[in-house]
Amino acid sequence: MDELAAYMPMIIGAAMTFFGALTCVYWYLYWKRNYRGDLLTGGPYAVVRHPLYTGFTVLTLGLALAVPFLETLMLAAITLVVLGIYVPKEEQALLEQYGRKYGEYTKRVPWRLIPKVY
């Protein structure tokens, strides 16, 4: 049992990495099939406003947990800092581009990256 406990961070991290990668692929396929220049609000966008960033964040945190090398830890930290700065700026740009439509969307989907958290 102790042996399994020693591998739990790696197992959880691998699952997070897989789920994050799957989310990124799902986002890409949805975006590729549906984006025509207008605001997307269905599919993964009905859950969070920035599903690609969600997937990439989960992927990088999973890598850092599964393979806690300096490089993966730095990637996770840089991802969190950059998204913390970039997401509010992108949201402002989307509000300027789509106006009231984006404002209504943010009320329907209040979560930027993590449902019920942020």
N, C-alpha and C. Protein backbone atom coordinates (compact mmCIF):
# COMPACT_ATOMS: atom_id res chain seq x y z
N MET A 1 0.82 -1.20 0.00
CA MET A 1 0.00 0.00 0.00
C MET A 1 0.86 1.26 0.00
N ASP A 2 1.94 1.26 0.77
CA ASP A 2 2.83 2.42 0.82
C ASP A 2 3.47 2.67 -0.53
N GLU A 3 3.73 1.59 -1.26
CA GLU A 3 4.33 1.71 -2.58
C GLU A 3 3.39 2.44 -3.54
N LEU A 4 2.10 2.12 -3.47
CA LEU A 4 1.10 2.79 -4.30
C LEU A 4 1.00 4.26 -3.93
N ALA A 5 1.03 4.56 -2.65
CA ALA A 5 0.94 5.95 -2.19
C ALA A 5 2.10 6.79 -2.73
N ALA A 6 3.25 6.17 -2.88
CA ALA A 6 4.42 6.89 -3.40
C ALA A 6 4.22 7.28 -4.86
N TYR A 7 3.40 6.51 -5.59
CA TYR A 7 3.16 6.80 -7.00
C TYR A 7 1.92 7.65 -7.26
N MET A 8 1.17 7.97 -6.21
CA MET A 8 -0.08 8.72 -6.39
C MET A 8 0.11 10.08 -7.08
N PRO A 9 1.10 10.88 -6.70
CA PRO A 9 1.27 12.15 -7.43
C PRO A 9 1.50 11.93 -8.92
N MET A 10 2.26 10.90 -9.27
CA MET A 10 2.52 10.62 -10.68
C MET A 10 1.24 10.17 -11.39
N ILE A 11 0.46 9.33 -10.73
CA ILE A 11 -0.79 8.83 -11.31
C ILE A 11 -1.78 9.97 -11.50
N ILE A 12 -1.95 10.78 -10.46
CA ILE A 12 -2.88 11.92 -10.54
C ILE A 12 -2.40 12.92 -11.58
N GLY A 13 -1.10 13.20 -11.59
CA GLY A 13 -0.53 14.12 -12.57
C GLY A 13 -0.69 13.63 -13.99
N ALA A 14 -0.50 12.34 -14.19
CA ALA A 14 -0.68 11.77 -15.54
C ALA A 14 -2.13 11.90 -15.98
N ALA A 15 -3.07 11.64 -15.06
CA ALA A 15 -4.49 11.78 -15.39
C ALA A 15 -4.83 13.23 -15.71
N MET A 16 -4.29 14.16 -14.94
CA MET A 16 -4.52 15.58 -15.21
C MET A 16 -3.94 15.98 -16.56
N THR A 17 -2.74 15.50 -16.86
CA THR A 17 -2.10 15.81 -18.13
C THR A 17 -2.94 15.30 -19.29
N PHE A 18 -3.42 14.08 -19.17
CA PHE A 18 -4.27 13.49 -20.20
C PHE A 18 -5.57 14.28 -20.35
N PHE A 19 -6.23 14.59 -19.24
CA PHE A 19 -7.48 15.34 -19.28
C PHE A 19 -7.25 16.73 -19.87
N GLY A 20 -6.16 17.38 -19.49
CA GLY A 20 -5.84 18.71 -20.04
C GLY A 20 -5.60 18.65 -21.54
N ALA A 21 -4.85 17.66 -21.98
CA ALA A 21 -4.60 17.51 -23.42
C ALA A 21 -5.89 17.21 -24.17
N LEU A 22 -6.73 16.36 -23.60
CA LEU A 22 -8.02 16.04 -24.21
C LEU A 22 -8.90 17.29 -24.31
N THR A 23 -8.88 18.11 -23.29
CA THR A 23 -9.65 19.36 -23.31
C THR A 23 -9.14 20.28 -24.41
N CYS A 24 -7.83 20.38 -24.56
CA CYS A 24 -7.26 21.24 -25.62
C CYS A 24 -7.67 20.74 -27.00
N VAL A 25 -7.62 19.43 -27.20
CA VAL A 25 -8.01 18.86 -28.50
C VAL A 25 -9.50 19.09 -28.75
N TYR A 26 -10.33 18.86 -27.73
CA TYR A 26 -11.77 19.09 -27.87
C TYR A 26 -12.04 20.55 -28.21
N TRP A 27 -11.36 21.47 -27.50
CA TRP A 27 -11.54 22.89 -27.80
C TRP A 27 -11.19 23.17 -29.26
N TYR A 28 -10.04 22.67 -29.70
CA TYR A 28 -9.59 22.94 -31.06
C TYR A 28 -10.60 22.43 -32.09
N LEU A 29 -11.05 21.20 -31.91
CA LEU A 29 -12.01 20.65 -32.86
C LEU A 29 -13.32 21.44 -32.86
N TYR A 30 -13.79 21.82 -31.70
CA TYR A 30 -15.02 22.61 -31.61
C TYR A 30 -14.82 23.97 -32.28
N TRP A 31 -13.72 24.62 -31.95
CA TRP A 31 -13.43 25.95 -32.51
C TRP A 31 -13.30 25.87 -34.03
N LYS A 32 -12.57 24.89 -34.52
CA LYS A 32 -12.34 24.74 -35.96
C LYS A 32 -13.65 24.53 -36.72
N ARG A 33 -14.56 23.76 -36.14
CA ARG A 33 -15.83 23.47 -36.79
C ARG A 33 -16.85 24.60 -36.69
N ASN A 34 -16.74 25.43 -35.65
CA ASN A 34 -17.82 26.37 -35.36
C ASN A 34 -17.46 27.85 -35.47
N TYR A 35 -16.19 28.21 -35.41
CA TYR A 35 -15.86 29.63 -35.40
C TYR A 35 -15.99 30.23 -36.80
N ARG A 36 -16.82 31.24 -36.89
CA ARG A 36 -17.04 31.96 -38.15
C ARG A 36 -16.93 33.46 -37.95
N GLY A 37 -16.19 33.88 -36.94
CA GLY A 37 -16.00 35.30 -36.68
C GLY A 37 -16.90 35.87 -35.61
N ASP A 38 -17.85 35.06 -35.13
CA ASP A 38 -18.76 35.55 -34.10
C ASP A 38 -18.42 34.87 -32.77
N LEU A 39 -18.95 35.40 -31.70
CA LEU A 39 -18.71 34.89 -30.36
C LEU A 39 -19.24 33.47 -30.23
N LEU A 40 -18.38 32.56 -29.76
CA LEU A 40 -18.79 31.18 -29.49
C LEU A 40 -19.25 31.08 -28.05
N THR A 41 -20.42 30.48 -27.83
CA THR A 41 -20.95 30.34 -26.48
C THR A 41 -21.42 28.92 -26.18
N GLY A 42 -21.32 28.01 -27.13
CA GLY A 42 -21.74 26.64 -26.92
C GLY A 42 -20.56 25.73 -26.70
N GLY A 43 -20.83 24.44 -26.67
CA GLY A 43 -19.75 23.46 -26.50
C GLY A 43 -18.97 23.73 -25.24
N PRO A 44 -17.64 23.71 -25.30
CA PRO A 44 -16.85 23.95 -24.09
C PRO A 44 -17.02 25.37 -23.55
N TYR A 45 -17.43 26.30 -24.41
CA TYR A 45 -17.64 27.68 -23.98
C TYR A 45 -18.90 27.83 -23.12
N ALA A 46 -19.73 26.81 -23.05
CA ALA A 46 -20.90 26.84 -22.18
C ALA A 46 -20.53 26.48 -20.75
N VAL A 47 -19.30 25.99 -20.55
CA VAL A 47 -18.84 25.59 -19.22
C VAL A 47 -17.92 26.65 -18.62
N VAL A 48 -16.92 27.06 -19.38
CA VAL A 48 -16.00 28.13 -18.98
C VAL A 48 -15.77 29.04 -20.18
N ARG A 49 -15.35 30.27 -19.91
CA ARG A 49 -15.18 31.23 -21.00
C ARG A 49 -13.87 31.05 -21.76
N HIS A 50 -12.92 30.35 -21.20
CA HIS A 50 -11.62 30.15 -21.86
C HIS A 50 -11.20 28.68 -21.77
N PRO A 51 -11.90 27.80 -22.48
CA PRO A 51 -11.63 26.36 -22.33
C PRO A 51 -10.23 25.93 -22.77
N LEU A 52 -9.64 26.59 -23.74
CA LEU A 52 -8.27 26.22 -24.13
C LEU A 52 -7.31 26.49 -22.99
N TYR A 53 -7.47 27.63 -22.35
CA TYR A 53 -6.60 27.96 -21.22
C TYR A 53 -6.82 27.00 -20.06
N THR A 54 -8.06 26.58 -19.87
CA THR A 54 -8.35 25.59 -18.83
C THR A 54 -7.59 24.30 -19.11
N GLY A 55 -7.71 23.81 -20.33
CA GLY A 55 -7.03 22.58 -20.70
C GLY A 55 -5.53 22.68 -20.55
N PHE A 56 -4.96 23.79 -21.02
CA PHE A 56 -3.51 23.95 -20.95
C PHE A 56 -3.04 24.07 -19.50
N THR A 57 -3.82 24.75 -18.67
CA THR A 57 -3.47 24.88 -17.25
C THR A 57 -3.48 23.52 -16.56
N VAL A 58 -4.53 22.74 -16.80
CA VAL A 58 -4.60 21.40 -16.20
C VAL A 58 -3.45 20.54 -16.71
N LEU A 59 -3.15 20.64 -17.99
CA LEU A 59 -2.04 19.88 -18.57
C LEU A 59 -0.71 20.25 -17.90
N THR A 60 -0.42 21.53 -17.75
CA THR A 60 0.87 21.93 -17.18
C THR A 60 0.95 21.60 -15.69
N LEU A 61 -0.16 21.76 -14.96
CA LEU A 61 -0.14 21.38 -13.54
C LEU A 61 0.01 19.87 -13.39
N GLY A 62 -0.63 19.11 -14.27
CA GLY A 62 -0.47 17.66 -14.25
C GLY A 62 0.97 17.23 -14.54
N LEU A 63 1.58 17.88 -15.51
CA LEU A 63 2.99 17.57 -15.80
C LEU A 63 3.87 17.88 -14.59
N ALA A 64 3.63 19.01 -13.96
CA ALA A 64 4.44 19.40 -12.80
C ALA A 64 4.26 18.40 -11.65
N LEU A 65 3.07 17.86 -11.52
CA LEU A 65 2.81 16.88 -10.46
C LEU A 65 3.40 15.52 -10.81
N ALA A 66 3.22 15.10 -12.06
CA ALA A 66 3.70 13.78 -12.48
C ALA A 66 5.21 13.72 -12.62
N VAL A 67 5.79 14.80 -13.11
CA VAL A 67 7.23 14.85 -13.37
C VAL A 67 7.76 16.16 -12.77
N PRO A 68 7.97 16.17 -11.47
CA PRO A 68 8.32 17.44 -10.80
C PRO A 68 9.77 17.88 -11.00
N PHE A 69 10.13 18.10 -12.25
CA PHE A 69 11.44 18.64 -12.57
C PHE A 69 11.35 20.17 -12.56
N LEU A 70 12.46 20.81 -12.51
CA LEU A 70 12.48 22.26 -12.51
C LEU A 70 11.74 22.83 -13.72
N GLU A 71 11.94 22.20 -14.88
CA GLU A 71 11.32 22.70 -16.11
C GLU A 71 9.79 22.62 -16.07
N THR A 72 9.25 21.51 -15.59
CA THR A 72 7.79 21.39 -15.54
C THR A 72 7.20 22.29 -14.47
N LEU A 73 7.91 22.46 -13.37
CA LEU A 73 7.45 23.38 -12.32
C LEU A 73 7.46 24.82 -12.83
N MET A 74 8.51 25.17 -13.58
CA MET A 74 8.58 26.52 -14.15
C MET A 74 7.49 26.73 -15.19
N LEU A 75 7.23 25.73 -16.02
CA LEU A 75 6.17 25.83 -17.02
C LEU A 75 4.82 26.08 -16.34
N ALA A 76 4.53 25.35 -15.28
CA ALA A 76 3.26 25.54 -14.56
C ALA A 76 3.20 26.93 -13.95
N ALA A 77 4.28 27.37 -13.32
CA ALA A 77 4.29 28.70 -12.70
C ALA A 77 4.13 29.80 -13.74
N ILE A 78 4.86 29.70 -14.84
CA ILE A 78 4.77 30.70 -15.90
C ILE A 78 3.36 30.72 -16.50
N THR A 79 2.78 29.54 -16.69
CA THR A 79 1.42 29.46 -17.23
C THR A 79 0.45 30.21 -16.32
N LEU A 80 0.53 29.96 -15.02
CA LEU A 80 -0.38 30.62 -14.08
C LEU A 80 -0.20 32.13 -14.07
N VAL A 81 1.04 32.59 -14.08
CA VAL A 81 1.30 34.03 -14.07
C VAL A 81 0.81 34.68 -15.36
N VAL A 82 1.17 34.10 -16.49
CA VAL A 82 0.78 34.68 -17.78
C VAL A 82 -0.74 34.72 -17.92
N LEU A 83 -1.41 33.64 -17.57
CA LEU A 83 -2.87 33.62 -17.69
C LEU A 83 -3.51 34.58 -16.70
N GLY A 84 -2.93 34.71 -15.52
CA GLY A 84 -3.44 35.68 -14.55
C GLY A 84 -3.39 37.10 -15.07
N ILE A 85 -2.41 37.40 -15.90
CA ILE A 85 -2.28 38.73 -16.50
C ILE A 85 -3.10 38.83 -17.79
N TYR A 86 -3.04 37.79 -18.61
CA TYR A 86 -3.61 37.85 -19.95
C TYR A 86 -5.12 37.72 -20.00
N VAL A 87 -5.70 36.83 -19.19
CA VAL A 87 -7.14 36.58 -19.26
C VAL A 87 -7.96 37.84 -19.03
N PRO A 88 -7.69 38.63 -17.98
CA PRO A 88 -8.48 39.86 -17.81
C PRO A 88 -8.34 40.82 -19.01
N LYS A 89 -7.16 40.90 -19.58
CA LYS A 89 -6.97 41.76 -20.76
C LYS A 89 -7.75 41.23 -21.95
N GLU A 90 -7.74 39.91 -22.14
CA GLU A 90 -8.50 39.33 -23.24
C GLU A 90 -10.00 39.55 -23.03
N GLU A 91 -10.44 39.42 -21.80
CA GLU A 91 -11.86 39.63 -21.52
C GLU A 91 -12.26 41.07 -21.83
N GLN A 92 -11.41 42.02 -21.52
CA GLN A 92 -11.70 43.42 -21.84
C GLN A 92 -11.79 43.61 -23.35
N ALA A 93 -10.88 42.98 -24.08
CA ALA A 93 -10.91 43.07 -25.54
C ALA A 93 -12.18 42.43 -26.11
N LEU A 94 -12.60 41.32 -25.55
CA LEU A 94 -13.82 40.66 -26.01
C LEU A 94 -15.04 41.51 -25.70
N LEU A 95 -15.03 42.16 -24.56
CA LEU A 95 -16.14 43.06 -24.21
C LEU A 95 -16.20 44.23 -25.18
N GLU A 96 -15.05 44.76 -25.56
CA GLU A 96 -15.01 45.86 -26.53
C GLU A 96 -15.45 45.38 -27.92
N GLN A 97 -15.06 44.17 -28.28
CA GLN A 97 -15.40 43.65 -29.61
C GLN A 97 -16.87 43.25 -29.71
N TYR A 98 -17.39 42.55 -28.71
CA TYR A 98 -18.74 42.00 -28.80
C TYR A 98 -19.78 42.76 -27.96
N GLY A 99 -19.32 43.69 -27.12
CA GLY A 99 -20.22 44.54 -26.35
C GLY A 99 -21.18 43.79 -25.46
N ARG A 100 -22.44 44.19 -25.54
CA ARG A 100 -23.48 43.64 -24.66
C ARG A 100 -23.59 42.12 -24.79
N LYS A 101 -23.35 41.60 -25.99
CA LYS A 101 -23.43 40.16 -26.21
C LYS A 101 -22.44 39.42 -25.31
N TYR A 102 -21.23 39.95 -25.19
CA TYR A 102 -20.23 39.32 -24.32
C TYR A 102 -20.61 39.50 -22.86
N GLY A 103 -21.13 40.66 -22.51
CA GLY A 103 -21.57 40.91 -21.14
C GLY A 103 -22.65 39.93 -20.71
N GLU A 104 -23.61 39.67 -21.58
CA GLU A 104 -24.66 38.70 -21.29
C GLU A 104 -24.08 37.29 -21.16
N TYR A 105 -23.12 36.99 -22.02
CA TYR A 105 -22.46 35.69 -21.97
C TYR A 105 -21.74 35.49 -20.64
N THR A 106 -21.07 36.53 -20.14
CA THR A 106 -20.35 36.40 -18.86
C THR A 106 -21.32 36.18 -17.70
N LYS A 107 -22.54 36.65 -17.83
CA LYS A 107 -23.53 36.39 -16.79
C LYS A 107 -24.02 34.94 -16.84
N ARG A 108 -24.18 34.42 -18.05
CA ARG A 108 -24.60 33.02 -18.21
C ARG A 108 -23.49 32.04 -17.83
N VAL A 109 -22.25 32.41 -18.17
CA VAL A 109 -21.08 31.56 -17.89
C VAL A 109 -20.12 32.40 -17.04
N PRO A 110 -20.30 32.37 -15.72
CA PRO A 110 -19.50 33.25 -14.87
C PRO A 110 -18.06 32.81 -14.64
N TRP A 111 -17.72 31.60 -15.03
CA TRP A 111 -16.40 31.06 -14.72
C TRP A 111 -15.44 31.23 -15.90
N ARG A 112 -14.29 31.83 -15.61
CA ARG A 112 -13.28 32.05 -16.65
C ARG A 112 -12.57 30.75 -17.01
N LEU A 113 -12.04 30.05 -16.00
CA LEU A 113 -11.22 28.86 -16.26
C LEU A 113 -11.69 27.62 -15.54
N ILE A 114 -12.15 27.78 -14.30
CA ILE A 114 -12.48 26.62 -13.47
C ILE A 114 -13.91 26.78 -12.96
N PRO A 115 -14.82 25.89 -13.36
CA PRO A 115 -16.20 26.01 -12.89
C PRO A 115 -16.30 26.06 -11.36
N LYS A 116 -17.09 26.99 -10.88
CA LYS A 116 -17.37 27.21 -9.46
C LYS A 116 -16.17 27.71 -8.66
N VAL A 117 -15.06 28.03 -9.34
CA VAL A 117 -13.87 28.53 -8.66
C VAL A 117 -13.42 29.87 -9.22
N TYR A 118 -13.10 29.90 -10.54
CA TYR A 118 -12.57 31.12 -11.16
C TYR A 118 -12.98 31.16 -12.62
